[in-house]
C-alpha atoms as a PDB file:
ATOM      1  CA  UNK A   1     116.237 171.073  62.841  1.00  0.00           C
ATOM      2  CA  UNK A   2     114.841 171.834  66.320  1.00  0.00           C
ATOM      3  CA  UNK A   3     111.740 173.399  64.744  1.00  0.00           C
ATOM      4  CA  UNK A   4     111.145 170.301  62.626  1.00  0.00           C
ATOM      5  CA  UNK A   5     111.407 168.039  65.685  1.00  0.00           C
ATOM      6  CA  UNK A   6     108.996 170.267  67.629  1.00  0.00           C
ATOM      7  CA  UNK A   7     106.509 170.242  64.739  1.00  0.00           C
ATOM      8  CA  UNK A   8     106.742 166.452  64.440  1.00  0.00           C
ATOM      9  CA  UNK A   9     106.263 165.992  68.189  1.00  0.00           C
ATOM     10  CA  UNK A  10     103.271 168.330  68.171  1.00  0.00           C
ATOM     11  CA  UNK A  11     101.756 166.419  65.236  1.00  0.00           C
ATOM     12  CA  UNK A  12     102.298 163.130  67.080  1.00  0.00           C
ATOM     13  CA  UNK A  13     100.584 164.507  70.203  1.00  0.00           C
ATOM     14  CA  UNK A  14      97.607 165.789  68.191  1.00  0.00           C
ATOM     15  CA  UNK A  15      97.283 162.431  66.414  1.00  0.00           C
ATOM     16  CA  UNK A  16      97.513 160.585  69.725  1.00  0.00           C
ATOM     17  CA  UNK A  17      94.844 162.825  71.299  1.00  0.00           C
ATOM     18  CA  UNK A  18      92.584 162.352  68.273  1.00  0.00           C
ATOM     19  CA  UNK A  19      92.999 158.560  68.414  1.00  0.00           C
ATOM     20  CA  UNK A  20      92.209 158.560  72.142  1.00  0.00           C
ATOM     21  CA  UNK A  21      89.059 160.598  71.497  1.00  0.00           C
ATOM     22  CA  UNK A  22      88.005 158.164  68.760  1.00  0.00           C
ATOM     23  CA  UNK A  23      88.638 155.226  71.075  1.00  0.00           C
ATOM     24  CA  UNK A  24      86.309 156.786  73.649  1.00  0.00           C
ATOM     25  CA  UNK A  25      83.432 156.990  71.154  1.00  0.00           C
ATOM     26  CA  UNK A  26      82.874 153.249  71.357  1.00  0.00           C
ATOM     27  CA  UNK A  27      80.610 153.286  74.396  1.00  0.00           C
ATOM     28  CA  UNK A  28      78.063 156.073  74.000  1.00  0.00           C
ATOM     29  CA  UNK A  29      74.827 154.522  75.221  1.00  0.00           C
ATOM     30  CA  UNK A  30      71.211 155.646  75.164  1.00  0.00           C
ATOM     31  CA  UNK A  31      69.108 155.129  78.290  1.00  0.00           C
ATOM     32  CA  UNK A  32      68.022 151.806  76.735  1.00  0.00           C
ATOM     33  CA  UNK A  33      71.639 150.633  76.504  1.00  0.00           C
ATOM     34  CA  UNK A  34      71.877 151.057  72.737  1.00  0.00           C
ATOM     35  CA  UNK A  35      75.444 151.835  71.621  1.00  0.00           C
ATOM     36  CA  UNK A  36      75.210 154.865  69.333  1.00  0.00           C
ATOM     37  CA  UNK A  37      78.945 155.625  69.529  1.00  0.00           C
ATOM     38  CA  UNK A  38      79.819 153.203  66.738  1.00  0.00           C
ATOM     39  CA  UNK A  39      78.342 152.491  63.340  1.00  0.00           C
ATOM     40  CA  UNK A  40      77.973 148.786  64.190  1.00  0.00           C
ATOM     41  CA  UNK A  41      76.262 149.710  67.450  1.00  0.00           C
ATOM     42  CA  UNK A  42      73.653 152.009  65.934  1.00  0.00           C
ATOM     43  CA  UNK A  43      72.900 149.587  63.084  1.00  0.00           C
ATOM     44  CA  UNK A  44      72.420 146.802  65.654  1.00  0.00           C
ATOM     45  CA  UNK A  45      70.046 149.072  67.609  1.00  0.00           C
ATOM     46  CA  UNK A  46      68.242 149.997  64.358  1.00  0.00           C
ATOM     47  CA  UNK A  47      67.367 146.325  63.851  1.00  0.00           C
ATOM     48  CA  UNK A  48      66.743 145.611  67.536  1.00  0.00           C
ATOM     49  CA  UNK A  49      63.971 148.231  67.822  1.00  0.00           C
ATOM     50  CA  UNK A  50      61.897 146.560  65.087  1.00  0.00           C
ATOM     51  CA  UNK A  51      62.401 143.083  66.524  1.00  0.00           C
ATOM     52  CA  UNK A  52      59.548 142.245  68.861  1.00  0.00           C
ATOM     53  CA  UNK A  53      58.139 139.023  70.298  1.00  0.00           C
ATOM     54  CA  UNK A  54      54.493 138.292  69.575  1.00  0.00           C
ATOM     55  CA  UNK A  55      52.392 140.121  72.175  1.00  0.00           C
ATOM     56  CA  UNK A  56      55.157 142.498  73.309  1.00  0.00           C
ATOM     57  CA  UNK A  57      55.253 146.266  72.709  1.00  0.00           C
ATOM     58  CA  UNK A  58      57.464 148.155  70.279  1.00  0.00           C
ATOM     59  CA  UNK A  59      59.255 151.102  71.916  1.00  0.00           C
ATOM     60  CA  UNK A  60      58.834 154.310  69.926  1.00  0.00           C
ATOM     61  CA  UNK A  61      60.805 156.136  72.625  1.00  0.00           C
ATOM     62  CA  UNK A  62      63.781 153.811  72.232  1.00  0.00           C
ATOM     63  CA  UNK A  63      63.676 154.121  68.442  1.00  0.00           C
ATOM     64  CA  UNK A  64      63.390 157.911  68.571  1.00  0.00           C
ATOM     65  CA  UNK A  65      66.640 158.141  70.583  1.00  0.00           C
ATOM     66  CA  UNK A  66      68.492 156.739  67.561  1.00  0.00           C
ATOM     67  CA  UNK A  67      67.155 159.421  65.185  1.00  0.00           C
ATOM     68  CA  UNK A  68      67.551 163.169  64.816  1.00  0.00           C
ATOM     69  CA  UNK A  69      64.471 165.192  65.739  1.00  0.00           C
ATOM     70  CA  UNK A  70      61.741 165.378  63.087  1.00  0.00           C
ATOM     71  CA  UNK A  71      63.296 162.575  61.018  1.00  0.00           C
ATOM     72  CA  UNK A  72      61.418 161.357  57.947  1.00  0.00           C
ATOM     73  CA  UNK A  73      61.368 157.701  56.913  1.00  0.00           C
ATOM     74  CA  UNK A  74      59.663 155.571  54.336  1.00  0.00           C
ATOM     75  CA  UNK A  75      59.457 152.747  51.899  1.00  0.00           C
ATOM     76  CA  UNK A  76      59.510 152.353  48.174  1.00  0.00           C
ATOM     77  CA  UNK A  77      58.051 149.650  46.032  1.00  0.00           C
ATOM     78  CA  UNK A  78      55.862 148.750  43.084  1.00  0.00           C
ATOM     79  CA  UNK A  79      52.065 148.700  43.299  1.00  0.00           C
ATOM     80  CA  UNK A  80      49.756 146.095  41.719  1.00  0.00           C
ATOM     81  CA  UNK A  81      49.755 148.058  38.432  1.00  0.00           C
ATOM     82  CA  UNK A  82      53.562 148.060  38.232  1.00  0.00           C
ATOM     83  CA  UNK A  83      53.864 151.736  39.162  1.00  0.00           C
ATOM     84  CA  UNK A  84      56.629 152.839  41.544  1.00  0.00           C
ATOM     85  CA  UNK A  85      55.298 154.124  44.886  1.00  0.00           C
ATOM     86  CA  UNK A  86      56.935 155.926  47.791  1.00  0.00           C
ATOM     87  CA  UNK A  87      55.559 156.154  51.316  1.00  0.00           C
ATOM     88  CA  UNK A  88      57.250 159.041  53.148  1.00  0.00           C
ATOM     89  CA  UNK A  89      56.329 159.920  56.732  1.00  0.00           C
ATOM     90  CA  UNK A  90      57.521 160.886  60.199  1.00  0.00           C
ATOM     91  CA  UNK A  91      58.990 158.250  62.494  1.00  0.00           C
ATOM     92  CA  UNK A  92      55.986 158.592  64.810  1.00  0.00           C
ATOM     93  CA  UNK A  93      53.513 158.068  61.954  1.00  0.00           C
ATOM     94  CA  UNK A  94      55.505 155.044  60.810  1.00  0.00           C
ATOM     95  CA  UNK A  95      55.207 153.542  64.306  1.00  0.00           C
ATOM     96  CA  UNK A  96      51.483 154.294  64.458  1.00  0.00           C
ATOM     97  CA  UNK A  97      51.010 152.364  61.222  1.00  0.00           C
ATOM     98  CA  UNK A  98      53.373 149.436  61.854  1.00  0.00           C
ATOM     99  CA  UNK A  99      53.575 148.694  65.584  1.00  0.00           C
ATOM    100  CA  UNK A 100      50.186 146.978  66.005  1.00  0.00           C
ATOM    101  CA  UNK A 101      50.997 144.483  63.234  1.00  0.00           C
ATOM    102  CA  UNK A 102      54.440 143.696  64.664  1.00  0.00           C
ATOM    103  CA  UNK A 103      53.082 143.376  68.212  1.00  0.00           C
ATOM    104  CA  UNK A 104      50.242 141.076  67.128  1.00  0.00           C
ATOM    105  CA  UNK A 105      52.315 138.770  64.908  1.00  0.00           C
ATOM    106  CA  UNK A 106      55.843 139.126  66.207  1.00  0.00           C
ATOM    107  CA  UNK A 107      58.530 140.480  63.913  1.00  0.00           C
ATOM    108  CA  UNK A 108      62.211 139.618  63.575  1.00  0.00           C
ATOM    109  CA  UNK A 109      64.345 141.486  61.082  1.00  0.00           C
ATOM    110  CA  UNK A 110      68.058 140.852  60.802  1.00  0.00           C
ATOM    111  CA  UNK A 111      70.829 142.175  58.609  1.00  0.00           C
ATOM    112  CA  UNK A 112      72.275 139.829  55.975  1.00  0.00           C
ATOM    113  CA  UNK A 113      74.773 142.161  54.231  1.00  0.00           C
ATOM    114  CA  UNK A 114      76.058 145.723  54.495  1.00  0.00           C
ATOM    115  CA  UNK A 115      77.810 148.270  52.283  1.00  0.00           C
ATOM    116  CA  UNK A 116      78.984 151.565  53.804  1.00  0.00           C
ATOM    117  CA  UNK A 117      79.979 154.806  52.108  1.00  0.00           C
ATOM    118  CA  UNK A 118      81.447 157.594  54.216  1.00  0.00           C
ATOM    119  CA  UNK A 119      82.697 161.124  53.661  1.00  0.00           C
ATOM    120  CA  UNK A 120      83.763 162.920  56.825  1.00  0.00           C
ATOM    121  CA  UNK A 121      80.722 162.963  59.142  1.00  0.00           C
ATOM    122  CA  UNK A 122      78.093 161.587  56.724  1.00  0.00           C
ATOM    123  CA  UNK A 123      77.521 157.856  56.282  1.00  0.00           C
ATOM    124  CA  UNK A 124      75.301 155.974  53.868  1.00  0.00           C
ATOM    125  CA  UNK A 125      74.540 152.337  54.685  1.00  0.00           C
ATOM    126  CA  UNK A 126      72.949 149.850  52.301  1.00  0.00           C
ATOM    127  CA  UNK A 127      71.765 147.083  54.611  1.00  0.00           C
ATOM    128  CA  UNK A 128      70.119 143.944  53.212  1.00  0.00           C
ATOM    129  CA  UNK A 129      67.771 142.096  55.547  1.00  0.00           C
ATOM    130  CA  UNK A 130      65.442 139.149  56.072  1.00  0.00           C
ATOM    131  CA  UNK A 131      62.177 139.149  58.047  1.00  0.00           C
ATOM    132  CA  UNK A 132      60.563 136.379  60.110  1.00  0.00           C
ATOM    133  CA  UNK A 133      57.673 136.103  62.561  1.00  0.00           C
ATOM    134  CA  UNK A 134      59.888 134.212  65.028  1.00  0.00           C
ATOM    135  CA  UNK A 135      63.618 133.570  65.423  1.00  0.00           C
ATOM    136  CA  UNK A 136      64.721 130.805  63.058  1.00  0.00           C
ATOM    137  CA  UNK A 137      61.265 130.714  61.466  1.00  0.00           C
ATOM    138  CA  UNK A 138      60.365 130.803  57.801  1.00  0.00           C
ATOM    139  CA  UNK A 139      61.618 133.893  55.931  1.00  0.00           C
ATOM    140  CA  UNK A 140      58.548 136.038  55.169  1.00  0.00           C
ATOM    141  CA  UNK A 141      60.348 138.848  53.394  1.00  0.00           C
ATOM    142  CA  UNK A 142      63.661 140.326  52.395  1.00  0.00           C
ATOM    143  CA  UNK A 143      64.802 143.653  51.102  1.00  0.00           C
ATOM    144  CA  UNK A 144      67.243 146.476  51.535  1.00  0.00           C
ATOM    145  CA  UNK A 145      67.425 149.455  53.877  1.00  0.00           C
ATOM    146  CA  UNK A 146      68.977 152.705  52.726  1.00  0.00           C
ATOM    147  CA  UNK A 147      70.113 154.440  55.932  1.00  0.00           C
ATOM    148  CA  UNK A 148      71.635 157.930  56.164  1.00  0.00           C
ATOM    149  CA  UNK A 149      73.614 158.752  59.318  1.00  0.00           C
ATOM    150  CA  UNK A 150      75.506 161.682  60.798  1.00  0.00           C
ATOM    151  CA  UNK A 151      78.427 161.332  63.225  1.00  0.00           C
ATOM    152  CA  UNK A 152      78.607 164.438  65.450  1.00  0.00           C
ATOM    153  CA  UNK A 153      82.028 163.606  66.905  1.00  0.00           C
ATOM    154  CA  UNK A 154      80.456 161.778  69.843  1.00  0.00           C
ATOM    155  CA  UNK A 155      77.685 159.590  68.493  1.00  0.00           C
ATOM    156  CA  UNK A 156      75.797 158.558  65.374  1.00  0.00           C
ATOM    157  CA  UNK A 157      72.325 159.891  64.531  1.00  0.00           C
ATOM    158  CA  UNK A 158      70.004 158.408  61.935  1.00  0.00           C
ATOM    159  CA  UNK A 159      69.033 161.142  59.471  1.00  0.00           C
ATOM    160  CA  UNK A 160      66.496 158.975  57.663  1.00  0.00           C
ATOM    161  CA  UNK A 161      65.906 155.568  56.152  1.00  0.00           C
ATOM    162  CA  UNK A 162      63.961 153.951  53.362  1.00  0.00           C
ATOM    163  CA  UNK A 163      63.397 150.299  52.565  1.00  0.00           C
ATOM    164  CA  UNK A 164      62.189 148.237  49.649  1.00  0.00           C
END
């Protein structure tokens, strides 16, 4: 009986320590103040980095701190002939192609719905969104982001994303 009590106490201590460690993950911040310790925090940061006022600069550095090194990203769609197309590139190349447009016109993207699948340290997020040139302005586009993430026990990292 003593052994059973000791085992149960040890299990309770391990569970308590694990829960305390998980509670501490909620405030892991990048140097830009983005919370990457929670799934909600990194998804918020994911949208924040592509939201820019007309005439302001997009921060590739800030965005890169959300992603693993050498991440690949892209978009899928249908061309004018009805053929599926995929654009697949590095995060830096994506910024080189998109930032000037967003800076010139302004760009506001916000999440409208989310579905999450998770097995251990891997997360897949389907995140629907709407786009505008200014907050509260006319919707200029909508779609879905497919975002893969890894939780390393301390923070989330974006492994890649694709949108349509």
